[in-house]
Amino acid sequence: MIVLTIIKLVNVFFQVYRLMLFARILASWVPQANEYRLMQFVSYYTDPYLNLFRRFIPPLGMLDLSPIVAFLSLSFLQDMVMSLLLFFLH
């Protein structure tokens, strides 16, 4: 029972973080959005993660591909964490 709860909590964490990343990417198109406290909160927690990828993946003109790699990496990280949890908790 507790194993399922832990797995669900980890999944919820990744889903919420994925939504925060999506909101941050959308907000980057609307500079006024950063004036809101919620977006400041989202930026505070997502910008360090996005900046990891922006350092290595330069924008192609007006197109920034780093968020796509960030999403893919987050999915890969989620799969790895879930596999480790299942391995150690069972």
PDB file of N, CA and C in Angstrom:
ATOM      1  N   MET A   1       0.823  -1.200   0.000  1.00  0.00           N
ATOM      2  CA  MET A   1       0.000   0.000   0.000  1.00  0.00           C
ATOM      3  C   MET A   1       0.864   1.260   0.000  1.00  0.00           C
ATOM      4  N   ILE A   2       1.864   1.290   0.853  1.00  0.00           N
ATOM      5  CA  ILE A   2       2.727   2.467   0.927  1.00  0.00           C
ATOM      6  C   ILE A   2       3.575   2.604  -0.333  1.00  0.00           C
ATOM      7  N   VAL A   3       3.910   1.484  -0.960  1.00  0.00           N
ATOM      8  CA  VAL A   3       4.688   1.505  -2.200  1.00  0.00           C
ATOM      9  C   VAL A   3       3.900   2.210  -3.296  1.00  0.00           C
ATOM     10  N   LEU A   4       2.629   1.888  -3.414  1.00  0.00           N
ATOM     11  CA  LEU A   4       1.787   2.541  -4.418  1.00  0.00           C
ATOM     12  C   LEU A   4       1.653   4.030  -4.147  1.00  0.00           C
ATOM     13  N   THR A   5       1.556   4.397  -2.889  1.00  0.00           N
ATOM     14  CA  THR A   5       1.447   5.812  -2.533  1.00  0.00           C
ATOM     15  C   THR A   5       2.705   6.564  -2.936  1.00  0.00           C
ATOM     16  N   ILE A   6       3.853   5.988  -2.674  1.00  0.00           N
ATOM     17  CA  ILE A   6       5.121   6.623  -3.045  1.00  0.00           C
ATOM     18  C   ILE A   6       5.215   6.763  -4.558  1.00  0.00           C
ATOM     19  N   ILE A   7       4.856   5.728  -5.278  1.00  0.00           N
ATOM     20  CA  ILE A   7       4.907   5.762  -6.742  1.00  0.00           C
ATOM     21  C   ILE A   7       3.960   6.820  -7.291  1.00  0.00           C
ATOM     22  N   LYS A   8       2.761   6.903  -6.724  1.00  0.00           N
ATOM     23  CA  LYS A   8       1.807   7.919  -7.171  1.00  0.00           C
ATOM     24  C   LYS A   8       2.306   9.325  -6.881  1.00  0.00           C
ATOM     25  N   LEU A   9       2.913   9.534  -5.714  1.00  0.00           N
ATOM     26  CA  LEU A   9       3.446  10.852  -5.368  1.00  0.00           C
ATOM     27  C   LEU A   9       4.569  11.270  -6.312  1.00  0.00           C
ATOM     28  N   VAL A  10       5.435  10.345  -6.644  1.00  0.00           N
ATOM     29  CA  VAL A  10       6.525  10.650  -7.571  1.00  0.00           C
ATOM     30  C   VAL A  10       5.958  10.987  -8.950  1.00  0.00           C
ATOM     31  N   ASN A  11       4.962  10.236  -9.388  1.00  0.00           N
ATOM     32  CA  ASN A  11       4.327  10.536 -10.676  1.00  0.00           C
ATOM     33  C   ASN A  11       3.658  11.902 -10.666  1.00  0.00           C
ATOM     34  N   VAL A  12       2.990  12.237  -9.575  1.00  0.00           N
ATOM     35  CA  VAL A  12       2.349  13.549  -9.462  1.00  0.00           C
ATOM     36  C   VAL A  12       3.399  14.654  -9.507  1.00  0.00           C
ATOM     37  N   PHE A  13       4.510  14.450  -8.814  1.00  0.00           N
ATOM     38  CA  PHE A  13       5.587  15.439  -8.846  1.00  0.00           C
ATOM     39  C   PHE A  13       6.035  15.692 -10.287  1.00  0.00           C
ATOM     40  N   PHE A  14       6.283  14.646 -11.048  1.00  0.00           N
ATOM     41  CA  PHE A  14       6.728  14.811 -12.431  1.00  0.00           C
ATOM     42  C   PHE A  14       5.655  15.464 -13.289  1.00  0.00           C
ATOM     43  N   GLN A  15       4.400  15.131 -13.081  1.00  0.00           N
ATOM     44  CA  GLN A  15       3.324  15.749 -13.851  1.00  0.00           C
ATOM     45  C   GLN A  15       3.212  17.236 -13.554  1.00  0.00           C
ATOM     46  N   VAL A  16       3.300  17.593 -12.288  1.00  0.00           N
ATOM     47  CA  VAL A  16       3.219  19.003 -11.905  1.00  0.00           C
ATOM     48  C   VAL A  16       4.410  19.766 -12.480  1.00  0.00           C
ATOM     49  N   TYR A  17       5.594  19.183 -12.389  1.00  0.00           N
ATOM     50  CA  TYR A  17       6.773  19.859 -12.929  1.00  0.00           C
ATOM     51  C   TYR A  17       6.666  20.018 -14.439  1.00  0.00           C
ATOM     52  N   ARG A  18       6.126  19.017 -15.112  1.00  0.00           N
ATOM     53  CA  ARG A  18       5.929  19.103 -16.563  1.00  0.00           C
ATOM     54  C   ARG A  18       4.953  20.236 -16.902  1.00  0.00           C
ATOM     55  N   LEU A  19       3.897  20.376 -16.111  1.00  0.00           N
ATOM     56  CA  LEU A  19       2.949  21.477 -16.321  1.00  0.00           C
ATOM     57  C   LEU A  19       3.607  22.827 -16.059  1.00  0.00           C
ATOM     58  N   MET A  20       4.451  22.885 -15.045  1.00  0.00           N
ATOM     59  CA  MET A  20       5.168  24.129 -14.763  1.00  0.00           C
ATOM     60  C   MET A  20       6.104  24.497 -15.917  1.00  0.00           C
ATOM     61  N   LEU A  21       6.784  23.509 -16.481  1.00  0.00           N
ATOM     62  CA  LEU A  21       7.643  23.770 -17.642  1.00  0.00           C
ATOM     63  C   LEU A  21       6.830  24.289 -18.823  1.00  0.00           C
ATOM     64  N   PHE A  22       5.693  23.665 -19.047  1.00  0.00           N
ATOM     65  CA  PHE A  22       4.834  24.090 -20.152  1.00  0.00           C
ATOM     66  C   PHE A  22       4.355  25.528 -19.932  1.00  0.00           C
ATOM     67  N   ALA A  23       3.958  25.843 -18.708  1.00  0.00           N
ATOM     68  CA  ALA A  23       3.507  27.206 -18.394  1.00  0.00           C
ATOM     69  C   ALA A  23       4.653  28.199 -18.580  1.00  0.00           C
ATOM     70  N   ARG A  24       5.845  27.818 -18.183  1.00  0.00           N
ATOM     71  CA  ARG A  24       6.999  28.710 -18.325  1.00  0.00           C
ATOM     72  C   ARG A  24       7.305  28.970 -19.790  1.00  0.00           C
ATOM     73  N   ILE A  25       7.207  27.960 -20.607  1.00  0.00           N
ATOM     74  CA  ILE A  25       7.471  28.124 -22.037  1.00  0.00           C
ATOM     75  C   ILE A  25       6.414  29.026 -22.673  1.00  0.00           C
ATOM     76  N   LEU A  26       5.158  28.806 -22.327  1.00  0.00           N
ATOM     77  CA  LEU A  26       4.107  29.679 -22.863  1.00  0.00           C
ATOM     78  C   LEU A  26       4.275  31.112 -22.376  1.00  0.00           C
ATOM     79  N   ALA A  27       4.652  31.270 -21.117  1.00  0.00           N
ATOM     80  CA  ALA A  27       4.820  32.613 -20.555  1.00  0.00           C
ATOM     81  C   ALA A  27       5.989  33.357 -21.196  1.00  0.00           C
ATOM     82  N   SER A  28       6.943  32.636 -21.751  1.00  0.00           N
ATOM     83  CA  SER A  28       8.071  33.306 -22.395  1.00  0.00           C
ATOM     84  C   SER A  28       7.624  34.081 -23.636  1.00  0.00           C
ATOM     85  N   TRP A  29       6.463  33.755 -24.170  1.00  0.00           N
ATOM     86  CA  TRP A  29       5.923  34.482 -25.313  1.00  0.00           C
ATOM     87  C   TRP A  29       5.183  35.743 -24.886  1.00  0.00           C
ATOM     88  N   VAL A  30       4.865  35.829 -23.600  1.00  0.00           N
ATOM     89  CA  VAL A  30       4.125  36.981 -23.078  1.00  0.00           C
ATOM     90  C   VAL A  30       4.951  37.585 -21.936  1.00  0.00           C
ATOM     91  N   PRO A  31       5.790  38.571 -22.223  1.00  0.00           N
ATOM     92  CA  PRO A  31       6.680  39.113 -21.191  1.00  0.00           C
ATOM     93  C   PRO A  31       5.953  39.654 -19.951  1.00  0.00           C
ATOM     94  N   GLN A  32       4.732  40.128 -20.098  1.00  0.00           N
ATOM     95  CA  GLN A  32       3.986  40.664 -18.960  1.00  0.00           C
ATOM     96  C   GLN A  32       3.601  39.575 -17.959  1.00  0.00           C
ATOM     97  N   ALA A  33       3.621  38.340 -18.371  1.00  0.00           N
ATOM     98  CA  ALA A  33       3.239  37.242 -17.486  1.00  0.00           C
ATOM     99  C   ALA A  33       4.196  37.116 -16.306  1.00  0.00           C
ATOM    100  N   ASN A  34       5.431  37.538 -16.479  1.00  0.00           N
ATOM    101  CA  ASN A  34       6.414  37.426 -15.406  1.00  0.00           C
ATOM    102  C   ASN A  34       6.148  38.391 -14.253  1.00  0.00           C
ATOM    103  N   GLU A  35       5.195  39.279 -14.417  1.00  0.00           N
ATOM    104  CA  GLU A  35       4.839  40.199 -13.344  1.00  0.00           C
ATOM    105  C   GLU A  35       3.984  39.520 -12.275  1.00  0.00           C
ATOM    106  N   TYR A  36       3.396  38.393 -12.594  1.00  0.00           N
ATOM    107  CA  TYR A  36       2.517  37.700 -11.649  1.00  0.00           C
ATOM    108  C   TYR A  36       3.329  36.794 -10.727  1.00  0.00           C
ATOM    109  N   ARG A  37       2.893  36.750  -9.474  1.00  0.00           N
ATOM    110  CA  ARG A  37       3.593  35.939  -8.471  1.00  0.00           C
ATOM    111  C   ARG A  37       3.680  34.459  -8.872  1.00  0.00           C
ATOM    112  N   LEU A  38       2.602  33.933  -9.426  1.00  0.00           N
ATOM    113  CA  LEU A  38       2.600  32.532  -9.818  1.00  0.00           C
ATOM    114  C   LEU A  38       3.686  32.254 -10.852  1.00  0.00           C
ATOM    115  N   MET A  39       3.811  33.147 -11.822  1.00  0.00           N
ATOM    116  CA  MET A  39       4.827  32.928 -12.859  1.00  0.00           C
ATOM    117  C   MET A  39       6.232  33.135 -12.310  1.00  0.00           C
ATOM    118  N   GLN A  40       6.381  34.004 -11.326  1.00  0.00           N
ATOM    119  CA  GLN A  40       7.683  34.167 -10.686  1.00  0.00           C
ATOM    120  C   GLN A  40       8.065  32.880  -9.957  1.00  0.00           C
ATOM    121  N   PHE A  41       7.080  32.262  -9.305  1.00  0.00           N
ATOM    122  CA  PHE A  41       7.292  30.976  -8.637  1.00  0.00           C
ATOM    123  C   PHE A  41       7.689  29.907  -9.649  1.00  0.00           C
ATOM    124  N   VAL A  42       6.936  29.830 -10.734  1.00  0.00           N
ATOM    125  CA  VAL A  42       7.209  28.835 -11.779  1.00  0.00           C
ATOM    126  C   VAL A  42       8.594  29.061 -12.380  1.00  0.00           C
ATOM    127  N   SER A  43       8.920  30.296 -12.670  1.00  0.00           N
ATOM    128  CA  SER A  43      10.228  30.618 -13.247  1.00  0.00           C
ATOM    129  C   SER A  43      11.367  30.245 -12.302  1.00  0.00           C
ATOM    130  N   TYR A  44      11.170  30.510 -11.032  1.00  0.00           N
ATOM    131  CA  TYR A  44      12.205  30.223 -10.034  1.00  0.00           C
ATOM    132  C   TYR A  44      12.573  28.735 -10.028  1.00  0.00           C
ATOM    133  N   TYR A  45      11.569  27.880 -10.208  1.00  0.00           N
ATOM    134  CA  TYR A  45      11.817  26.441 -10.135  1.00  0.00           C
ATOM    135  C   TYR A  45      12.096  25.777 -11.481  1.00  0.00           C
ATOM    136  N   THR A  46      11.740  26.418 -12.561  1.00  0.00           N
ATOM    137  CA  THR A  46      11.954  25.782 -13.867  1.00  0.00           C
ATOM    138  C   THR A  46      13.140  26.354 -14.639  1.00  0.00           C
ATOM    139  N   ASP A  47      13.480  27.606 -14.416  1.00  0.00           N
ATOM    140  CA  ASP A  47      14.578  28.206 -15.180  1.00  0.00           C
ATOM    141  C   ASP A  47      15.919  27.498 -14.985  1.00  0.00           C
ATOM    142  N   PRO A  48      16.287  27.099 -13.765  1.00  0.00           N
ATOM    143  CA  PRO A  48      17.570  26.380 -13.645  1.00  0.00           C
ATOM    144  C   PRO A  48      17.613  25.099 -14.488  1.00  0.00           C
ATOM    145  N   TYR A  49      16.498  24.382 -14.523  1.00  0.00           N
ATOM    146  CA  TYR A  49      16.443  23.151 -15.328  1.00  0.00           C
ATOM    147  C   TYR A  49      16.531  23.483 -16.817  1.00  0.00           C
ATOM    148  N   LEU A  50      15.782  24.471 -17.266  1.00  0.00           N
ATOM    149  CA  LEU A  50      15.816  24.853 -18.678  1.00  0.00           C
ATOM    150  C   LEU A  50      17.179  25.414 -19.072  1.00  0.00           C
ATOM    151  N   ASN A  51      17.806  26.143 -18.161  1.00  0.00           N
ATOM    152  CA  ASN A  51      19.111  26.735 -18.472  1.00  0.00           C
ATOM    153  C   ASN A  51      20.195  25.675 -18.674  1.00  0.00           C
ATOM    154  N   LEU A  52      20.025  24.509 -18.049  1.00  0.00           N
ATOM    155  CA  LEU A  52      20.967  23.414 -18.304  1.00  0.00           C
ATOM    156  C   LEU A  52      21.031  23.087 -19.791  1.00  0.00           C
ATOM    157  N   PHE A  53      19.891  23.064 -20.423  1.00  0.00           N
ATOM    158  CA  PHE A  53      19.814  22.701 -21.835  1.00  0.00           C
ATOM    159  C   PHE A  53      20.129  23.886 -22.737  1.00  0.00           C
ATOM    160  N   ARG A  54      19.786  25.078 -22.301  1.00  0.00           N
ATOM    161  CA  ARG A  54      20.068  26.274 -23.110  1.00  0.00           C
ATOM    162  C   ARG A  54      21.565  26.515 -23.243  1.00  0.00           C
ATOM    163  N   ARG A  55      22.338  26.045 -22.272  1.00  0.00           N
ATOM    164  CA  ARG A  55      23.794  26.197 -22.354  1.00  0.00           C
ATOM    165  C   ARG A  55      24.382  25.389 -23.502  1.00  0.00           C
ATOM    166  N   PHE A  56      23.781  24.249 -23.804  1.00  0.00           N
ATOM    167  CA  PHE A  56      24.346  23.339 -24.793  1.00  0.00           C
ATOM    168  C   PHE A  56      23.626  23.364 -26.141  1.00  0.00           C
ATOM    169  N   ILE A  57      22.399  23.878 -26.156  1.00  0.00           N
ATOM    170  CA  ILE A  57      21.620  23.877 -27.392  1.00  0.00           C
ATOM    171  C   ILE A  57      21.300  25.328 -27.756  1.00  0.00           C
ATOM    172  N   PRO A  58      22.042  25.879 -28.678  1.00  0.00           N
ATOM    173  CA  PRO A  58      21.784  27.274 -29.057  1.00  0.00           C
ATOM    174  C   PRO A  58      20.488  27.394 -29.851  1.00  0.00           C
ATOM    175  N   PRO A  59      19.823  28.536 -29.750  1.00  0.00           N
ATOM    176  CA  PRO A  59      18.599  28.728 -30.540  1.00  0.00           C
ATOM    177  C   PRO A  59      18.908  28.771 -32.038  1.00  0.00           C
ATOM    178  N   LEU A  60      17.978  28.285 -32.811  1.00  0.00           N
ATOM    179  CA  LEU A  60      18.087  28.339 -34.267  1.00  0.00           C
ATOM    180  C   LEU A  60      17.241  29.515 -34.743  1.00  0.00           C
ATOM    181  N   GLY A  61      17.865  30.662 -34.833  1.00  0.00           N
ATOM    182  CA  GLY A  61      17.120  31.871 -35.171  1.00  0.00           C
ATOM    183  C   GLY A  61      16.190  32.231 -34.022  1.00  0.00           C
ATOM    184  N   MET A  62      14.905  32.242 -34.296  1.00  0.00           N
ATOM    185  CA  MET A  62      13.900  32.548 -33.269  1.00  0.00           C
ATOM    186  C   MET A  62      13.387  31.294 -32.575  1.00  0.00           C
ATOM    187  N   LEU A  63      13.867  30.149 -32.988  1.00  0.00           N
ATOM    188  CA  LEU A  63      13.372  28.879 -32.465  1.00  0.00           C
ATOM    189  C   LEU A  63      14.330  28.306 -31.427  1.00  0.00           C
ATOM    190  N   ASP A  64      13.809  28.117 -30.198  1.00  0.00           N
ATOM    191  CA  ASP A  64      14.594  27.547 -29.111  1.00  0.00           C
ATOM    192  C   ASP A  64      14.179  26.081 -28.941  1.00  0.00           C
ATOM    193  N   LEU A  65      15.071  25.175 -29.261  1.00  0.00           N
ATOM    194  CA  LEU A  65      14.773  23.744 -29.189  1.00  0.00           C
ATOM    195  C   LEU A  65      15.069  23.139 -27.816  1.00  0.00           C
ATOM    196  N   SER A  66      15.690  23.904 -26.943  1.00  0.00           N
ATOM    197  CA  SER A  66      16.067  23.361 -25.636  1.00  0.00           C
ATOM    198  C   SER A  66      14.874  22.885 -24.802  1.00  0.00           C
ATOM    199  N   PRO A  67      13.695  23.531 -24.856  1.00  0.00           N
ATOM    200  CA  PRO A  67      12.570  22.990 -24.089  1.00  0.00           C
ATOM    201  C   PRO A  67      12.127  21.599 -24.545  1.00  0.00           C
ATOM    202  N   ILE A  68      12.266  21.317 -25.826  1.00  0.00           N
ATOM    203  CA  ILE A  68      11.894  19.985 -26.313  1.00  0.00           C
ATOM    204  C   ILE A  68      12.826  18.940 -25.710  1.00  0.00           C
ATOM    205  N   VAL A  69      14.114  19.238 -25.703  1.00  0.00           N
ATOM    206  CA  VAL A  69      15.085  18.318 -25.107  1.00  0.00           C
ATOM    207  C   VAL A  69      14.848  18.224 -23.600  1.00  0.00           C
ATOM    208  N   ALA A  70      14.471  19.340 -22.974  1.00  0.00           N
ATOM    209  CA  ALA A  70      14.180  19.328 -21.536  1.00  0.00           C
ATOM    210  C   ALA A  70      12.997  18.415 -21.226  1.00  0.00           C
ATOM    211  N   PHE A  71      11.946  18.486 -22.036  1.00  0.00           N
ATOM    212  CA  PHE A  71      10.784  17.604 -21.841  1.00  0.00           C
ATOM    213  C   PHE A  71      11.172  16.135 -22.035  1.00  0.00           C
ATOM    214  N   LEU A  72      11.917  15.850 -23.075  1.00  0.00           N
ATOM    215  CA  LEU A  72      12.339  14.468 -23.328  1.00  0.00           C
ATOM    216  C   LEU A  72      13.219  13.951 -22.187  1.00  0.00           C
ATOM    217  N   SER A  73      14.116  14.783 -21.718  1.00  0.00           N
ATOM    218  CA  SER A  73      14.990  14.392 -20.609  1.00  0.00           C
ATOM    219  C   SER A  73      14.197  14.167 -19.332  1.00  0.00           C
ATOM    220  N   LEU A  74      13.189  15.001 -19.106  1.00  0.00           N
ATOM    221  CA  LEU A  74      12.356  14.827 -17.919  1.00  0.00           C
ATOM    222  C   LEU A  74      11.590  13.505 -17.978  1.00  0.00           C
ATOM    223  N   SER A  75      11.095  13.149 -19.151  1.00  0.00           N
ATOM    224  CA  SER A  75      10.408  11.866 -19.308  1.00  0.00           C
ATOM    225  C   SER A  75      11.366  10.704 -19.071  1.00  0.00           C
ATOM    226  N   PHE A  76      12.577  10.822 -19.599  1.00  0.00           N
ATOM    227  CA  PHE A  76      13.586   9.790 -19.383  1.00  0.00           C
ATOM    228  C   PHE A  76      13.923   9.680 -17.895  1.00  0.00           C
ATOM    229  N   LEU A  77      14.089  10.827 -17.232  1.00  0.00           N
ATOM    230  CA  LEU A  77      14.384  10.841 -15.801  1.00  0.00           C
ATOM    231  C   LEU A  77      13.246  10.217 -14.998  1.00  0.00           C
ATOM    232  N   GLN A  78      12.020  10.513 -15.389  1.00  0.00           N
ATOM    233  CA  GLN A  78      10.867   9.920 -14.709  1.00  0.00           C
ATOM    234  C   GLN A  78      10.880   8.396 -14.856  1.00  0.00           C
ATOM    235  N   ASP A  79      11.143   7.923 -16.046  1.00  0.00           N
ATOM    236  CA  ASP A  79      11.208   6.472 -16.265  1.00  0.00           C
ATOM    237  C   ASP A  79      12.305   5.830 -15.415  1.00  0.00           C
ATOM    238  N   MET A  80      13.454   6.480 -15.342  1.00  0.00           N
ATOM    239  CA  MET A  80      14.559   5.943 -14.547  1.00  0.00           C
ATOM    240  C   MET A  80      14.205   5.914 -13.060  1.00  0.00           C
ATOM    241  N   VAL A  81      13.627   7.004 -12.565  1.00  0.00           N
ATOM    242  CA  VAL A  81      13.258   7.073 -11.149  1.00  0.00           C
ATOM    243  C   VAL A  81      12.202   6.028 -10.828  1.00  0.00           C
ATOM    244  N   MET A  82      11.224   5.877 -11.695  1.00  0.00           N
ATOM    245  CA  MET A  82      10.163   4.894 -11.458  1.00  0.00           C
ATOM    246  C   MET A  82      10.729   3.471 -11.473  1.00  0.00           C
ATOM    247  N   SER A  83      11.649   3.199 -12.380  1.00  0.00           N
ATOM    248  CA  SER A  83      12.270   1.877 -12.430  1.00  0.00           C
ATOM    249  C   SER A  83      13.058   1.588 -11.160  1.00  0.00           C
ATOM    250  N   LEU A  84      13.805   2.579 -10.701  1.00  0.00           N
ATOM    251  CA  LEU A  84      14.565   2.410  -9.464  1.00  0.00           C
ATOM    252  C   LEU A  84      13.649   2.222  -8.259  1.00  0.00           C
ATOM    253  N   LEU A  85      12.572   2.990  -8.218  1.00  0.00           N
ATOM    254  CA  LEU A  85      11.616   2.832  -7.115  1.00  0.00           C
ATOM    255  C   LEU A  85      11.009   1.444  -7.108  1.00  0.00           C
ATOM    256  N   LEU A  86      10.597   0.990  -8.257  1.00  0.00           N
ATOM    257  CA  LEU A  86      10.003  -0.349  -8.341  1.00  0.00           C
ATOM    258  C   LEU A  86      11.007  -1.423  -7.958  1.00  0.00           C
ATOM    259  N   PHE A  87      12.254  -1.220  -8.359  1.00  0.00           N
ATOM    260  CA  PHE A  87      13.290  -2.195  -8.034  1.00  0.00           C
ATOM    261  C   PHE A  87      13.559  -2.247  -6.538  1.00  0.00           C
ATOM    262  N   PHE A  88      13.690  -1.085  -5.902  1.00  0.00           N
ATOM    263  CA  PHE A  88      14.066  -1.052  -4.485  1.00  0.00           C
ATOM    264  C   PHE A  88      12.904  -1.235  -3.545  1.00  0.00           C
ATOM    265  N   LEU A  89      11.688  -0.914  -3.964  1.00  0.00           N
ATOM    266  CA  LEU A  89      10.556  -1.010  -3.071  1.00  0.00           C
ATOM    267  C   LEU A  89       9.829  -2.350  -3.139  1.00  0.00           C
ATOM    268  N   HIS A  90      10.163  -3.138  -4.141  1.00  0.00           N
ATOM    269  CA  HIS A  90       9.516  -4.452  -4.223  1.00  0.00           C
ATOM    270  C   HIS A  90      10.391  -5.527  -3.697  1.00  0.00           C
TER     271      HIS A  90
END
